[in-house]
Every structure is written in C-alpha cells, then in structure tokens.
C-alpha cells in the first residue's frame, strides 16, 4: 500500500470540463494518491459504508475485483452511468501465455486468408510450457541460443530466469499431486504454466546498460477498436552493464529491467529511479541515429501496439462501460526494431519520485477526461466510453479508430494520411 502522505502536495492537475462540477460517486481498491486526488479535485465523492455496494459511477478496480464482477455466478450488470477500468476478458492480452497464444492464432488466421504476416514479427520465438515442451526441446537442440523463462501469471520479475541448460526447464514442476479425502484416489492439479522465449541478445544499450520502455495505452473500445497512445512513458534501466557471458546470466541487475528488482540494488538511485522519459530517449535516438530512423522506430512501436490489440480483438468482450489502461513493455534491439515483451493490465501507479507523481497524476487525469465527457454526463451515460469524439487529450493521441476506417471504406474514400488501414498491418507512414 502506498503511503500517500510521504509525498508533498504538488500543483494539482484538474479537468477543464464541466464534469469537474458534477458530484459523481467513485470507488477504488487501490490506495494510490494519483487516483484519489484526481477524483477529489473534480468534486466527486467517495462511496461510503452508508451507500449501497454498487452505487458508484466511477470505479478504479483491481483485476481480482473485475474477475468477481464478471464472474458467471456473481455477474454484475453495469448500468449506463457506471465506468469501470477493465474489460471482462482483459487477461487475453495480459497473461503472458494468452498473449503468445492469441498472436500465434491471429497469425495462422491471416495466413489461411492468404495475407502476409510479416507485420506480426514483433515477439521473440515463444513456447508455452508444458504444452509446447516437445517443440521447445526440438528448437533448443538446433542452436545454442539463450532463453528466458517466465511464469505466465506473475509480475514484477518474479520467477524469471535465463536458461542456457535444458536441466533448468526439466526441473520445473508443472503439476502437484494430492489424495481425494473421500475415496483416497490420487488427484493431479495443474500448477502455473510458463512461457519460454528466445532471449534478445542484441538489445540497444545506452551507456552499456540494457533498458526497456513502459508505454501507456488506453483502449476505450474493442468493437470497434479504438486506441490511444500516451506520449509520456518512460525507460527503465538496469543498474549494471550488459553482458551475455555465461557467468553473468543469473545477474538480475544486468538482465531484468523491472523496477521492483532494480530498486533492491545497493546503489539504486532514488532520485531518478533509474528512469528516462520517452522524450529523453527520442532525443538520444535522434542525436545518434537521426530524425527519420527515430520517427520510423516510434511508428513501428505504434504498429506493434495496434496489431497486438487486433490479435486479441475477437476474444475480447467489449462492454461500452469499460476501458483499459495497458502498460506495454517494449524493448529495442540494436537495429531499433521494437519487440513486445509483455502487456500489463494493472501498470504500477506507485509514485516513488517527483517525476513519477507528475506523470501518473497526469495519466489518470487524461484518462478521466477521455472516458468521462460532458456528453456522457449530459446524456446519462448513453453514448458509452467508446464514443469520445476527440482525437487527442493531454498526453494522449488517438492512433487507431476502426469506426472511422470502416466508415471511410464504406464511403469509398481514401484514408487519411495519419491513419491508414495499410498494407501488411503498417498503420503509419514511414
């Protein structure tokens, strides 16, 4: 739990809309200052013990709560004046095994339709264990590649190991055994599944250190797909210089960029938290690789985001009262090619530095301004969160709107220069 009293009071970031004067009721499972301040500064009121449990308008919920809300036995039907921060089937993209499975499935679907799938080459070769064990072993024998093994449903770097020997994988326990108390018959229960991927051995380094990017993406609808890109993400750096020497593969401070891991380093810098802003990264890339290559790199990142969302579109239940703020983890290789590592349904809103506070406070503020509009309030929620007519809001820009694409196709008009339906899934001009 975050101690919100440890941070000083900074300049508030409030909504410019008239909805800041409307006293909506809010609820949250997370004791995070960047959430509660945003609600209170709009004049909204928290749900109290005197209120009915479901008498809220805006709920920033944990994924555990969302599973309960949309559980088959306890299913709660949201009303038009309620907005929830997760889609019912959020896990189709955010579980590591589901992400790999759905992207592979989408690729096969396009291949059956005779379409190229080159634009889906943005995740490393990945196998889901134990199901893909035989295929993995066959691939492992072909090369001396380094692999990275991750539990499918854990976060913050827990359980991740680098693998260069098959014994590390064979030692995994994929099931547990017990005895049925009624008939003394053995019971085998599946344990957590794993994903194992080829390790990216040629990452782009800055000052000799590995880093990845945390990029915030807002989805306000899956049917039709509507995607927003937040420009103010950041890079997370390892504390030790990168090496693929066999003696260093267990050094988590060299290979794993997760802040939860890096902050345990003895010389961890609490002032900047081992982070760079995306603006600083862009400046570095422009100075070292030029403007055109940098622009192309970020366009490719947006293509990765859009195509990963399209890969899960058919398995996502899109409730108009729901939205999702994803935390995309993307790494660049030495050729500036972006690779998707994973997608988080609940990116951390803990604020450990001044910059963290400002960034995440603004992130939440801009999300609210997109999903809670004047029109939504005036028409008592009828338009739904996916009908926001804006193309930008604060740090967010709308990078994909399928409804506009479908409309323009229907009208036989040429698509705009900023958003192309595009050949090979490339939605941005290079």
Protein backbone atom coordinates (compact mmCIF):
# COMPACT_ATOMS: atom_id res chain seq x y z
CA UNK A 1 0.00 0.00 0.00
CA UNK A 2 1.31 3.43 -0.93
CA UNK A 3 1.77 5.95 1.85
CA UNK A 4 0.31 8.99 0.13
CA UNK A 5 1.35 11.23 3.00
CA UNK A 6 5.03 10.74 2.21
CA UNK A 7 4.74 12.80 -0.96
CA UNK A 8 4.45 16.58 -0.88
CA UNK A 9 1.46 18.36 -2.37
CA UNK A 10 2.27 19.43 -5.90
CA UNK A 11 0.29 21.55 -8.32
CA UNK A 12 -3.00 19.79 -8.93
CA UNK A 13 -3.95 18.61 -12.40
CA UNK A 14 -7.68 19.09 -12.81
CA UNK A 15 -10.19 18.60 -15.57
CA UNK A 16 -11.09 21.54 -17.78
CA UNK A 17 -14.52 20.04 -18.40
CA UNK A 18 -17.71 20.96 -16.64
CA UNK A 19 -17.86 17.38 -15.31
CA UNK A 20 -15.47 18.59 -12.59
CA UNK A 21 -18.55 20.25 -11.04
CA UNK A 22 -20.67 17.09 -11.18
CA UNK A 23 -20.51 15.06 -7.98
CA UNK A 24 -20.13 11.54 -9.29
CA UNK A 25 -19.55 8.75 -6.78
CA UNK A 26 -16.21 6.97 -7.01
CA UNK A 27 -14.71 3.81 -5.63
CA UNK A 28 -11.24 2.27 -5.80
CA UNK A 29 -9.45 -0.80 -4.48
CA UNK A 30 -6.08 0.93 -4.73
CA UNK A 31 -4.81 3.39 -2.12
CA UNK A 32 -2.93 5.45 -4.70
CA UNK A 33 -2.69 9.21 -4.43
CA UNK A 34 -2.73 9.76 -8.20
CA UNK A 35 -6.19 8.17 -8.34
CA UNK A 36 -7.85 9.64 -5.26
CA UNK A 37 -6.58 13.18 -5.85
CA UNK A 38 -7.90 13.18 -9.39
CA UNK A 39 -11.36 12.22 -8.17
CA UNK A 40 -11.43 14.62 -5.23
CA UNK A 41 -10.17 17.58 -7.26
CA UNK A 42 -13.18 17.16 -9.55
CA UNK A 43 -15.51 17.45 -6.60
CA UNK A 44 -16.53 13.79 -6.83
CA UNK A 45 -17.43 11.96 -3.63
CA UNK A 46 -16.15 8.59 -2.41
CA UNK A 47 -18.55 5.73 -1.83
CA UNK A 48 -19.18 5.37 1.89
CA UNK A 49 -20.30 2.50 4.09
CA UNK A 50 -23.81 4.02 4.14
CA UNK A 51 -24.10 3.68 0.36
CA UNK A 52 -25.13 0.56 -1.49
CA UNK A 53 -22.09 -1.51 -2.52
CA UNK A 54 -22.71 -0.99 -6.24
CA UNK A 55 -23.93 2.61 -6.03
CA UNK A 56 -20.85 4.02 -7.76
CA UNK A 57 -20.32 5.88 -11.05
CA UNK A 58 -16.56 5.53 -11.43
CA UNK A 59 -14.60 2.52 -10.20
CA UNK A 60 -10.81 2.05 -10.47
CA UNK A 61 -10.76 -1.63 -9.58
CA UNK A 62 -8.15 -4.33 -9.22
CA UNK A 63 -8.19 -7.24 -11.67
CA UNK A 64 -9.30 -9.51 -8.83
CA UNK A 65 -12.39 -7.36 -8.30
CA UNK A 66 -13.13 -7.36 -12.03
CA UNK A 67 -12.99 -11.16 -12.08
CA UNK A 68 -15.61 -11.18 -9.33
CA UNK A 69 -17.79 -8.56 -11.01
CA UNK A 70 -17.96 -10.54 -14.24
CA UNK A 71 -17.95 -13.97 -12.61
CA UNK A 72 -20.63 -16.27 -14.04
CA UNK A 73 -22.16 -16.88 -10.60
CA UNK A 74 -21.99 -13.33 -9.25
CA UNK A 75 -22.27 -11.47 -12.57
CA UNK A 76 -22.99 -7.78 -12.05
CA UNK A 77 -24.66 -5.89 -14.87
CA UNK A 78 -23.24 -2.39 -15.10
CA UNK A 79 -25.65 0.46 -15.72
CA UNK A 80 -25.20 3.32 -18.18
CA UNK A 81 -23.88 5.67 -15.50
CA UNK A 82 -21.03 3.40 -14.45
CA UNK A 83 -17.49 3.29 -15.83
CA UNK A 84 -15.02 0.51 -14.96
CA UNK A 85 -11.28 0.46 -15.70
CA UNK A 86 -11.03 -3.13 -17.03
CA UNK A 87 -12.69 -5.18 -19.76
CA UNK A 88 -14.15 -8.53 -18.61
CA UNK A 89 -11.60 -10.55 -20.63
CA UNK A 90 -8.56 -8.32 -20.02
CA UNK A 91 -6.43 -11.44 -19.37
CA UNK A 92 -6.48 -12.47 -23.06
CA UNK A 93 -3.69 -9.98 -23.67
CA UNK A 94 -2.14 -9.59 -20.23
CA UNK A 95 -1.36 -13.17 -19.30
CA UNK A 96 1.95 -13.99 -20.95
CA UNK A 97 0.74 -17.37 -22.23
CA UNK A 98 -2.52 -15.91 -23.60
CA UNK A 99 -0.69 -13.10 -25.39
CA UNK A 100 1.62 -15.54 -27.18
CA UNK A 101 -1.23 -17.94 -27.95
CA UNK A 102 -3.53 -15.25 -29.36
CA UNK A 103 -0.85 -13.65 -31.53
CA UNK A 104 0.05 -17.09 -32.96
CA UNK A 105 -3.63 -17.82 -33.58
CA UNK A 106 -4.13 -14.45 -35.32
CA UNK A 107 -1.08 -15.10 -37.48
CA UNK A 108 -2.46 -18.50 -38.59
CA UNK A 109 -5.82 -16.91 -39.34
CA UNK A 110 -4.25 -14.33 -41.65
CA UNK A 111 -2.14 -16.98 -43.34
CA UNK A 112 -5.28 -19.03 -44.07
CA UNK A 113 -6.75 -15.93 -45.68
CA UNK A 114 -3.67 -15.64 -47.87
CA UNK A 115 -2.44 -12.47 -46.17
CA UNK A 116 1.12 -11.65 -45.23
CA UNK A 117 2.06 -11.81 -41.55
CA UNK A 118 5.43 -10.05 -41.60
CA UNK A 119 3.95 -7.25 -39.51
CA UNK A 120 3.35 -9.73 -36.65
CA UNK A 121 7.05 -10.49 -36.21
CA UNK A 122 7.32 -8.46 -33.01
CA UNK A 123 7.53 -11.14 -30.30
CA UNK A 124 10.53 -13.46 -29.93
CA UNK A 125 10.08 -17.15 -30.68
CA UNK A 126 7.97 -18.33 -27.74
CA UNK A 127 6.67 -21.63 -26.41
CA UNK A 128 4.07 -22.27 -23.70
CA UNK A 129 5.05 -24.94 -21.20
CA UNK A 130 4.24 -27.69 -20.53
CA UNK A 131 2.07 -27.97 -23.67
CA UNK A 132 4.83 -26.98 -26.13
CA UNK A 133 7.61 -28.86 -24.36
CA UNK A 134 8.44 -31.22 -27.25
CA UNK A 135 8.57 -28.34 -29.76
CA UNK A 136 10.73 -26.30 -27.41
CA UNK A 137 13.18 -29.17 -26.87
CA UNK A 138 13.47 -29.64 -30.62
CA UNK A 139 14.20 -25.95 -31.12
CA UNK A 140 16.61 -25.84 -28.18
CA UNK A 141 18.72 -28.59 -29.74
CA UNK A 142 19.06 -26.64 -33.01
CA UNK A 143 21.00 -23.74 -31.56
CA UNK A 144 23.00 -22.50 -28.60
CA UNK A 145 20.58 -19.65 -28.00
CA UNK A 146 19.93 -18.16 -24.59
CA UNK A 147 16.29 -18.41 -23.44
CA UNK A 148 14.24 -16.54 -20.85
CA UNK A 149 11.70 -18.43 -18.76
CA UNK A 150 8.75 -16.67 -17.09
CA UNK A 151 5.72 -17.77 -15.06
CA UNK A 152 2.61 -16.91 -17.13
CA UNK A 153 0.70 -15.03 -14.48
CA UNK A 154 3.27 -13.30 -12.29
CA UNK A 155 4.56 -9.73 -12.42
CA UNK A 156 7.44 -7.52 -11.25
CA UNK A 157 10.04 -10.02 -12.42
CA UNK A 158 9.03 -12.80 -10.00
CA UNK A 159 10.21 -16.24 -11.07
CA UNK A 160 12.08 -15.12 -14.21
CA UNK A 161 15.31 -16.97 -15.05
CA UNK A 162 17.67 -17.10 -18.03
CA UNK A 163 18.18 -20.57 -19.44
CA UNK A 164 21.21 -21.96 -21.26
CA UNK A 165 20.90 -25.54 -20.00
CA UNK A 166 17.90 -27.78 -20.51
CA UNK A 167 18.03 -29.03 -16.91
CA UNK A 168 16.62 -25.69 -15.67
CA UNK A 169 13.46 -26.40 -17.64
CA UNK A 170 13.20 -30.11 -16.89
CA UNK A 171 13.28 -29.37 -13.16
CA UNK A 172 10.04 -27.36 -13.37
CA UNK A 173 7.08 -28.87 -11.53
CA UNK A 174 4.05 -28.46 -13.80
CA UNK A 175 1.59 -30.26 -11.51
CA UNK A 176 1.05 -31.15 -7.88
CA UNK A 177 -0.34 -34.38 -6.52
CA UNK A 178 -2.74 -34.93 -3.63
CA UNK A 179 -5.23 -37.51 -2.43
CA UNK A 180 -9.02 -37.27 -2.52
CA UNK A 181 -10.18 -37.45 1.09
CA UNK A 182 -13.42 -39.20 0.13
CA UNK A 183 -12.05 -42.14 -1.86
CA UNK A 184 -8.27 -41.97 -1.35
CA UNK A 185 -7.79 -41.65 -5.12
CA UNK A 186 -4.81 -39.57 -6.36
CA UNK A 187 -5.54 -36.11 -7.72
CA UNK A 188 -3.24 -34.24 -10.10
CA UNK A 189 -3.66 -30.46 -10.10
CA UNK A 190 -2.01 -28.30 -12.80
CA UNK A 191 0.39 -25.68 -11.48
CA UNK A 192 1.27 -22.36 -13.12
CA UNK A 193 2.14 -22.53 -16.81
CA UNK A 194 5.31 -20.89 -18.15
CA UNK A 195 6.39 -19.14 -21.29
CA UNK A 196 9.90 -19.56 -22.61
CA UNK A 197 11.23 -17.24 -25.30
CA UNK A 198 14.46 -16.73 -27.16
CA UNK A 199 16.38 -14.11 -25.28
CA UNK A 200 17.08 -10.93 -27.20
CA UNK A 201 20.87 -10.94 -27.09
CA UNK A 202 21.45 -7.74 -29.08
CA UNK A 203 19.41 -5.10 -27.19
CA UNK A 204 20.05 -1.43 -27.81
CA UNK A 205 22.31 -0.25 -24.99
CA UNK A 206 22.73 3.21 -23.53
CA UNK A 207 25.94 3.70 -21.57
CA UNK A 208 26.38 -0.05 -21.84
CA UNK A 209 23.15 -0.78 -19.97
CA UNK A 210 20.02 -2.62 -21.05
CA UNK A 211 16.66 -0.86 -20.83
CA UNK A 212 13.05 -1.29 -21.87
CA UNK A 213 10.15 1.11 -22.34
CA UNK A 214 6.94 1.36 -20.35
CA UNK A 215 4.33 2.79 -22.69
CA UNK A 216 0.79 3.56 -21.59
CA UNK A 217 -2.01 2.67 -23.99
CA UNK A 218 -5.69 3.39 -23.47
CA UNK A 219 -8.33 1.27 -25.22
CA UNK A 220 -11.86 2.68 -24.99
CA UNK A 221 -13.45 0.05 -27.23
CA UNK A 222 -12.56 -3.27 -28.86
CA UNK A 223 -15.61 -3.40 -31.15
CA UNK A 224 -14.85 -1.17 -32.99
CA UNK A 225 -11.23 -0.93 -31.86
CA UNK A 226 -10.21 2.50 -30.57
CA UNK A 227 -6.63 3.00 -29.33
CA UNK A 228 -4.93 5.93 -27.58
CA UNK A 229 -1.16 6.40 -27.16
CA UNK A 230 0.27 8.28 -24.16
CA UNK A 231 3.37 10.23 -25.12
CA UNK A 232 4.80 10.49 -21.60
CA UNK A 233 6.01 7.00 -20.84
CA UNK A 234 9.49 6.18 -19.63
CA UNK A 235 12.51 3.89 -19.98
CA UNK A 236 13.64 1.57 -17.16
CA UNK A 237 17.36 0.87 -16.95
CA UNK A 238 19.34 -1.96 -15.41
CA UNK A 239 21.88 -0.91 -12.81
CA UNK A 240 24.76 -3.00 -14.16
CA UNK A 241 26.30 -3.01 -17.63
CA UNK A 242 25.01 -5.65 -20.00
CA UNK A 243 26.83 -8.89 -20.80
CA UNK A 244 25.80 -12.30 -22.19
CA UNK A 245 28.77 -14.02 -20.61
CA UNK A 246 27.70 -17.39 -19.23
CA UNK A 247 28.89 -16.33 -15.78
CA UNK A 248 26.51 -13.35 -15.78
CA UNK A 249 23.22 -14.90 -16.83
CA UNK A 250 21.97 -15.10 -13.23
CA UNK A 251 22.70 -11.43 -12.56
CA UNK A 252 19.21 -9.94 -12.36
CA UNK A 253 20.57 -6.37 -12.06
CA UNK A 254 22.08 -6.79 -15.53
CA UNK A 255 19.21 -8.51 -17.35
CA UNK A 256 15.84 -7.66 -15.76
CA UNK A 257 14.62 -4.08 -16.02
CA UNK A 258 11.70 -4.37 -13.59
CA UNK A 259 11.78 -1.52 -11.08
CA UNK A 260 10.71 -3.93 -8.32
CA UNK A 261 14.00 -5.76 -8.91
CA UNK A 262 16.33 -2.85 -9.70
CA UNK A 263 15.36 -0.85 -6.60
CA UNK A 264 16.91 -3.63 -4.48
CA UNK A 265 20.32 -2.82 -5.98
CA UNK A 266 22.69 -1.47 -3.33
CA UNK A 267 23.46 1.67 -5.35
CA UNK A 268 19.92 2.27 -6.64
CA UNK A 269 19.34 5.97 -7.32
CA UNK A 270 16.14 7.02 -5.55
CA UNK A 271 16.13 10.47 -7.18
CA UNK A 272 15.53 9.39 -10.76
CA UNK A 273 14.73 5.74 -10.09
CA UNK A 274 16.86 4.54 -12.99
CA UNK A 275 14.37 6.02 -15.44
CA UNK A 276 14.42 8.20 -18.53
CA UNK A 277 11.43 9.90 -20.09
CA UNK A 278 10.42 8.90 -23.62
CA UNK A 279 11.31 12.46 -24.67
CA UNK A 280 14.89 11.91 -23.47
CA UNK A 281 15.05 8.62 -25.36
CA UNK A 282 13.80 10.29 -28.54
CA UNK A 283 16.44 12.99 -28.19
CA UNK A 284 19.16 10.35 -27.71
CA UNK A 285 18.00 8.39 -30.76
CA UNK A 286 17.75 11.49 -32.94
CA UNK A 287 21.27 12.56 -31.97
CA UNK A 288 22.75 9.11 -32.65
CA UNK A 289 20.56 7.73 -35.46
CA UNK A 290 18.85 10.74 -36.99
CA UNK A 291 15.30 12.05 -37.04
CA UNK A 292 13.98 9.75 -39.78
CA UNK A 293 15.10 6.50 -38.12
CA UNK A 294 13.78 7.69 -34.77
CA UNK A 295 10.41 8.61 -36.25
CA UNK A 296 10.23 5.26 -38.01
CA UNK A 297 11.09 3.46 -34.75
CA UNK A 298 8.20 5.09 -32.86
CA UNK A 299 5.81 4.47 -35.75
CA UNK A 300 6.78 0.82 -35.60
CA UNK A 301 6.11 0.82 -31.85
CA UNK A 302 2.59 2.10 -32.54
CA UNK A 303 2.15 -0.61 -35.18
CA UNK A 304 3.18 -3.24 -32.62
CA UNK A 305 0.56 -1.89 -30.20
CA UNK A 306 -2.24 -1.80 -32.77
CA UNK A 307 -1.50 -5.24 -34.22
CA UNK A 308 -1.24 -6.85 -30.76
CA UNK A 309 -4.68 -5.44 -29.94
CA UNK A 310 -6.10 -6.63 -33.24
CA UNK A 311 -4.73 -10.09 -32.43
CA UNK A 312 -6.99 -10.33 -29.35
CA UNK A 313 -9.93 -8.35 -30.70
CA UNK A 314 -12.07 -11.40 -31.50
CA UNK A 315 -11.70 -12.85 -27.99
CA UNK A 316 -12.30 -9.60 -26.12
CA UNK A 317 -15.69 -8.85 -24.62
CA UNK A 318 -16.11 -5.13 -25.25
CA UNK A 319 -18.52 -3.57 -22.78
CA UNK A 320 -19.19 0.09 -23.61
CA UNK A 321 -18.92 0.90 -19.90
CA UNK A 322 -15.35 -0.43 -19.70
CA UNK A 323 -11.94 0.82 -20.77
CA UNK A 324 -8.39 -0.39 -20.21
CA UNK A 325 -5.13 1.38 -19.44
CA UNK A 326 -2.42 -1.06 -20.56
CA UNK A 327 1.24 -0.86 -19.65
CA UNK A 328 3.20 -2.06 -22.70
CA UNK A 329 6.76 -3.26 -22.09
CA UNK A 330 8.78 -2.87 -25.28
CA UNK A 331 12.49 -3.33 -25.89
CA UNK A 332 14.54 -2.09 -28.86
CA UNK A 333 17.26 -4.17 -30.45
CA UNK A 334 20.50 -2.72 -31.80
CA UNK A 335 18.74 -2.08 -35.16
CA UNK A 336 15.97 -0.05 -33.47
CA UNK A 337 13.44 -2.81 -34.09
CA UNK A 338 10.80 -2.87 -31.31
CA UNK A 339 9.97 -6.17 -29.61
CA UNK A 340 6.92 -6.70 -27.42
CA UNK A 341 7.88 -8.29 -24.10
CA UNK A 342 4.56 -8.23 -22.27
CA UNK A 343 1.42 -6.19 -21.59
CA UNK A 344 0.23 -5.26 -18.10
CA UNK A 345 -3.44 -4.79 -17.22
CA UNK A 346 -2.55 -3.01 -13.97
CA UNK A 347 0.61 -0.97 -14.59
CA UNK A 348 2.03 0.29 -11.32
CA UNK A 349 0.62 3.57 -10.02
CA UNK A 350 3.02 3.73 -7.08
CA UNK A 351 4.90 7.02 -7.11
CA UNK A 352 8.45 6.81 -5.82
CA UNK A 353 9.84 10.01 -7.36
CA UNK A 354 8.66 13.52 -8.15
CA UNK A 355 8.59 12.71 -11.88
CA UNK A 356 6.59 9.53 -11.21
CA UNK A 357 3.97 11.53 -9.36
CA UNK A 358 3.58 14.14 -12.08
CA UNK A 359 3.48 11.60 -14.89
CA UNK A 360 0.98 9.22 -13.28
CA UNK A 361 -1.23 12.01 -11.96
CA UNK A 362 -1.49 13.38 -15.48
CA UNK A 363 -2.01 9.90 -16.93
CA UNK A 364 -5.09 9.33 -14.75
CA UNK A 365 -6.35 12.87 -15.35
CA UNK A 366 -6.16 12.49 -19.13
CA UNK A 367 -7.86 9.08 -19.00
CA UNK A 368 -10.74 10.56 -16.99
CA UNK A 369 -11.10 13.41 -19.47
CA UNK A 370 -11.44 10.89 -22.31
CA UNK A 371 -13.84 8.40 -20.74
CA UNK A 372 -15.96 10.83 -18.66
CA UNK A 373 -17.04 13.54 -21.08
CA UNK A 374 -19.67 16.28 -20.89
CA UNK A 375 -21.77 14.30 -23.36
CA UNK A 376 -21.53 11.16 -21.23
CA UNK A 377 -22.88 13.05 -18.21
CA UNK A 378 -25.49 15.10 -20.08
CA UNK A 379 -26.96 12.03 -21.75
CA UNK A 380 -26.65 9.95 -18.57
CA UNK A 381 -24.03 7.60 -19.92
CA UNK A 382 -25.86 6.58 -23.09
CA UNK A 383 -23.03 7.36 -25.54
CA UNK A 384 -20.64 4.99 -23.74
CA UNK A 385 -16.91 5.41 -23.25
CA UNK A 386 -16.13 4.45 -26.83
CA UNK A 387 -17.92 7.46 -28.33
CA UNK A 388 -15.45 10.16 -27.33
CA UNK A 389 -15.14 12.38 -30.41
CA UNK A 390 -11.70 13.74 -29.51
CA UNK A 391 -8.54 12.85 -31.37
CA UNK A 392 -6.26 13.95 -28.52
CA UNK A 393 -6.40 14.77 -24.84
CA UNK A 394 -3.41 15.99 -22.84
CA UNK A 395 -0.67 13.41 -23.39
CA UNK A 396 -2.94 11.03 -25.31
CA UNK A 397 -3.40 10.89 -29.07
CA UNK A 398 -5.82 8.62 -30.87
CA UNK A 399 -3.69 6.36 -33.09
CA UNK A 400 -6.36 3.96 -34.32
CA UNK A 401 -10.11 4.31 -34.73
CA UNK A 402 -11.68 1.39 -36.54
CA UNK A 403 -15.05 3.10 -36.79
CA UNK A 404 -13.53 5.85 -38.94
CA UNK A 405 -11.71 3.31 -41.09
CA UNK A 406 -14.89 1.31 -41.65
CA UNK A 407 -16.84 4.46 -42.44
CA UNK A 408 -14.28 5.66 -44.94
CA UNK A 409 -14.14 2.23 -46.56
CA UNK A 410 -17.90 2.23 -46.82
CA UNK A 411 -17.90 5.66 -48.41
CA UNK A 412 -15.11 4.55 -50.78
CA UNK A 413 -12.96 7.42 -49.69
CA UNK A 414 -9.22 7.39 -49.36
CA UNK A 415 -7.97 7.01 -45.80
CA UNK A 416 -6.31 9.96 -44.12
CA UNK A 417 -2.52 10.30 -44.23
CA UNK A 418 -2.25 9.92 -40.45
CA UNK A 419 -4.18 6.67 -40.07
CA UNK A 420 -4.03 4.12 -42.88
CA UNK A 421 -5.78 0.80 -42.97
CA UNK A 422 -2.45 -0.04 -44.51
CA UNK A 423 -0.84 -2.91 -46.28
CA UNK A 424 0.75 -5.57 -44.05
CA UNK A 425 -0.68 -4.04 -40.90
CA UNK A 426 1.51 -0.91 -41.00
CA UNK A 427 -0.76 1.92 -39.93
CA UNK A 428 1.84 4.66 -40.01
CA UNK A 429 3.71 6.08 -42.97
CA UNK A 430 7.45 5.63 -42.93
